[in-house]
Structures are given as structure tokens and as C-alpha cells.
Amino acid sequence: MLIECLLKRVGGSDISFGQNVLRQVVYKFRPVDEKDNTSPHLCDIDNKDHINRLLSIRPKAYIEYVEGQGAQFDDEDFEQAEPTGDVDDFSDSMLATVNPDTVSNRYVEGFARQVLNVNPKDKKAISVIYKQNTGKDLKTTMSATAMIRECLRCLVNDAKDALDIAKTNAKASE
């Protein structure tokens, strides 16, 4: 089934399922036309559990793609999900609701392991990831947790921007 990611990032988005790197499945949502900012970001997915999980995320971040038919939305599609307390959920739609300054250290450590794929104590690896994504250096005097929070801040801002674009696109197609 073709699934569209409504959170449009330059170059697309990679979504991983599974913790074990050897058995992990990575879905690569890529724009149909990289020169068009409104081009749908699509991925063909055949695992029903993964499809159901993606389609269940609220606020709505993924939809079934139907050729020639614009995305259809209801107001509740963009309402925030009820907090579950599940620190393992780092989807874009959930990241858009996170305050990097107030989330627990446990959440920050889970983010480092699952999203950044680094040991939450490895300051050097965290600094490299931050530099790759922002072009800026982190202060070496920062704690590893503070460094991770800066990485989280970048992703939260990206997720919020992508959600705003998805809302704008949805309203424009009405």
C-alpha cells in the first residue's frame, strides 16, 4: 500500500520499525518530485501492522495515498494525541508536542538511543551528529544530556515546521 508522509522534509523522511538493527525495517518516504515542495512523500509498505501503526498516529502524519485524489482531513486529524507515557514514541507528530527543556532525562536517553542511535553518554558522537545536522559545534563543556536536548530541540522544530506545512497543504486542498 502506498502511504504518504504529510510531514515534508527536504530529502524525505526515514521511519524505522524495530530495535534490533539486524531485523529493523526502515521505510524511506521520498518526494515524488524533489523540485516541488508540495509533492507527496511516498513509500510502498506491505506490513499490515506497520501500516496500521502509521495511520493511527495523531495528529495525523500518514495517510493512504490514492493517485489523483488529494488528502482528505477532518479537524480531529490535527488534534493532539492523548499522552500515553510511552517514552519509545519518537514519531514526528509526537515530537511536535515535546518541550525539550521539560521532558524527562529518561525520554532524552531514549531519544539518544532510538533516534540518534548513540550511547547517551557519548559526547563525541552526539557532537558529531549535531554538527552534521546543523553545521554548528556544541560547547564541549555541556553535559551529554544537554547536548542531546539540543539535538532534540532541532528535531522538535523540524517536526513543528513539517506539521505546519501539512496543515497548510491540507487547508489549501479544501
Protein backbone atom coordinates (compact mmCIF):
# COMPACT_ATOMS: atom_id res chain seq x y z
CA MET A 1 0.00 0.00 0.00
CA LEU A 2 1.32 3.46 -0.84
CA ILE A 3 1.49 5.60 2.29
CA GLU A 4 2.06 9.35 2.21
CA CYS A 5 4.02 11.12 4.91
CA LEU A 6 2.38 14.51 5.49
CA LEU A 7 5.46 15.89 7.25
CA LYS A 8 7.51 17.04 4.29
CA ARG A 9 11.21 17.43 4.98
CA VAL A 10 13.86 18.25 2.41
CA GLY A 11 15.03 14.90 1.05
CA GLY A 12 12.22 12.97 2.74
CA SER A 13 11.94 11.03 6.00
CA ASP A 14 13.17 7.63 7.16
CA ILE A 15 10.91 5.76 9.59
CA SER A 16 12.28 2.73 11.45
CA PHE A 17 10.39 -0.17 12.99
CA GLY A 18 12.18 -2.46 15.43
CA GLN A 19 15.03 -2.16 17.89
CA ASN A 20 17.33 -4.89 16.59
CA VAL A 21 19.46 -3.35 13.82
CA LEU A 22 19.72 -6.71 12.05
CA ARG A 23 15.95 -7.09 11.79
CA GLN A 24 14.97 -3.44 11.70
CA VAL A 25 12.77 -2.25 8.84
CA VAL A 26 13.36 1.27 7.51
CA TYR A 27 10.77 2.94 5.33
CA LYS A 28 12.06 5.75 3.14
CA PHE A 29 9.41 8.36 2.40
CA ARG A 30 10.66 10.35 -0.59
CA PRO A 31 9.06 13.15 -2.61
CA VAL A 32 7.67 12.12 -5.99
CA ASP A 33 9.13 15.34 -7.44
CA GLU A 34 12.07 16.72 -5.45
CA LYS A 35 11.72 20.13 -7.13
CA ASP A 36 8.11 20.58 -5.95
CA ASN A 37 7.66 21.48 -2.25
CA THR A 38 4.08 20.22 -2.33
CA SER A 39 4.94 16.87 -3.91
CA PRO A 40 3.70 13.89 -1.88
CA HIS A 41 6.33 11.95 0.10
CA LEU A 42 5.53 8.29 -0.56
CA CYS A 43 6.63 4.83 0.48
CA ASP A 44 5.22 1.44 -0.51
CA ILE A 45 4.57 -0.58 2.65
CA ASP A 46 3.23 -4.13 2.76
CA ASN A 47 3.38 -4.93 6.50
CA LYS A 48 -0.19 -4.50 7.83
CA ASP A 49 0.95 -3.85 11.42
CA HIS A 50 3.28 -1.08 10.26
CA ILE A 51 0.58 0.41 8.04
CA ASN A 52 -1.91 0.40 10.92
CA ARG A 53 0.62 1.99 13.28
CA LEU A 54 1.49 4.77 10.84
CA LEU A 55 -2.15 5.51 10.03
CA SER A 56 -3.05 5.61 13.75
CA ILE A 57 -0.59 8.39 14.66
CA ARG A 58 -2.28 11.59 15.85
CA PRO A 59 -2.07 14.34 14.97
CA LYS A 60 -2.31 12.75 11.53
CA ALA A 61 1.12 12.34 9.96
CA TYR A 62 0.50 9.48 7.48
CA ILE A 63 -2.37 8.68 5.12
CA GLU A 64 -3.13 6.11 2.47
CA TYR A 65 -2.13 7.63 -0.87
CA VAL A 66 -4.65 7.47 -3.69
CA GLU A 67 -3.39 8.67 -7.09
CA GLY A 68 -5.17 11.81 -8.29
CA GLN A 69 -7.08 12.28 -5.06
CA GLY A 70 -5.98 14.96 -2.61
CA ALA A 71 -5.67 14.11 1.05
CA GLN A 72 -8.97 14.27 2.93
CA PHE A 73 -8.94 15.55 6.51
CA ASP A 74 -11.24 16.17 9.42
CA ASP A 75 -10.50 18.70 12.17
CA GLU A 76 -9.75 15.91 14.63
CA ASP A 77 -6.95 14.65 12.36
CA PHE A 78 -4.80 17.50 13.63
CA GLU A 79 -5.74 17.28 17.31
CA GLN A 80 -3.03 16.21 19.70
CA ALA A 81 -2.89 12.60 20.78
CA GLU A 82 -3.54 11.79 24.40
CA PRO A 83 -0.22 11.33 26.20
CA THR A 84 0.50 7.66 26.70
CA GLY A 85 3.67 7.97 28.74
CA ASP A 86 5.37 5.76 26.16
CA VAL A 87 8.93 7.12 26.03
CA ASP A 88 9.60 4.99 22.96
CA ASP A 89 7.38 7.04 20.65
CA PHE A 90 9.55 9.48 18.72
CA SER A 91 7.40 9.94 15.62
CA ASP A 92 7.36 13.39 14.03
CA SER A 93 3.81 14.03 15.15
CA MET A 94 4.69 13.24 18.75
CA LEU A 95 7.98 15.17 18.60
CA ALA A 96 5.99 18.25 17.59
CA THR A 97 4.38 18.15 21.05
CA VAL A 98 7.61 17.77 23.05
CA ASN A 99 9.26 20.54 25.06
CA PRO A 100 12.99 19.67 25.06
CA ASP A 101 13.51 21.67 28.25
CA THR A 102 10.97 19.79 30.34
CA VAL A 103 10.98 16.18 29.10
CA SER A 104 12.47 13.67 31.50
CA ASN A 105 16.07 12.53 31.30
CA ARG A 106 14.68 9.05 30.60
CA TYR A 107 12.95 10.41 27.49
CA VAL A 108 16.17 12.19 26.44
CA GLU A 109 18.18 8.97 26.85
CA GLY A 110 15.58 7.01 24.85
CA PHE A 111 15.75 9.67 22.13
CA ALA A 112 19.55 9.34 22.00
CA ARG A 113 19.40 5.55 21.70
CA GLN A 114 16.47 5.21 19.30
CA VAL A 115 16.61 8.31 17.12
CA LEU A 116 20.26 9.37 17.21
CA ASN A 117 21.47 5.76 17.55
CA VAL A 118 24.15 6.72 20.07
CA ASN A 119 25.02 5.96 23.65
CA PRO A 120 23.51 8.83 25.69
CA LYS A 121 26.86 9.29 27.46
CA ASP A 122 28.96 9.53 24.26
CA LYS A 123 29.51 13.30 23.99
CA LYS A 124 31.79 12.98 20.97
CA ALA A 125 29.22 11.03 18.92
CA ILE A 126 26.43 13.41 19.95
CA SER A 127 28.57 16.41 18.91
CA VAL A 128 29.27 14.83 15.52
CA ILE A 129 25.56 14.23 14.88
CA TYR A 130 24.69 17.80 15.90
CA LYS A 131 27.39 19.23 13.62
CA GLN A 132 26.23 17.07 10.70
CA ASN A 133 22.67 18.30 11.09
CA THR A 134 23.23 21.97 11.93
CA GLY A 135 26.76 22.82 10.79
CA LYS A 136 27.38 24.17 14.29
CA ASP A 137 29.54 22.96 17.16
CA LEU A 138 28.24 22.22 20.64
CA LYS A 139 30.17 23.55 23.60
CA THR A 140 32.45 20.83 24.95
CA THR A 141 31.61 21.94 28.50
CA MET A 142 27.98 20.86 28.07
CA SER A 143 26.78 17.65 29.68
CA ALA A 144 25.83 14.79 27.38
CA THR A 145 22.18 15.26 28.40
CA ALA A 146 22.29 18.97 27.49
CA MET A 147 23.83 18.06 24.12
CA ILE A 148 21.07 15.55 23.43
CA ARG A 149 18.47 18.16 24.39
CA GLU A 150 19.96 20.47 21.73
CA CYS A 151 19.64 17.68 19.13
CA LEU A 152 16.09 17.08 20.31
CA ARG A 153 15.33 20.81 20.04
CA CYS A 154 16.36 20.72 16.35
CA LEU A 155 14.12 17.75 15.59
CA VAL A 156 11.19 19.22 17.52
CA ASN A 157 11.47 22.43 15.50
CA ASP A 158 11.64 20.42 12.25
CA ALA A 159 8.59 18.37 13.27
CA LYS A 160 6.60 21.52 14.14
CA ASP A 161 7.53 23.12 10.81
CA ALA A 162 6.57 19.97 8.92
CA LEU A 163 3.24 19.76 10.77
CA ASP A 164 2.50 23.42 9.94
CA ILE A 165 3.23 22.71 6.27
CA ALA A 166 0.94 19.66 6.36
CA LYS A 167 -1.87 21.73 7.90
CA THR A 168 -1.39 24.49 5.33
CA ASN A 169 -1.39 21.98 2.47
CA ALA A 170 -4.50 20.32 3.87
CA LYS A 171 -6.36 23.64 4.08
CA ALA A 172 -5.18 24.68 0.61
CA SER A 173 -6.58 21.47 -0.90
CA GLU A 174 -10.06 22.10 0.58
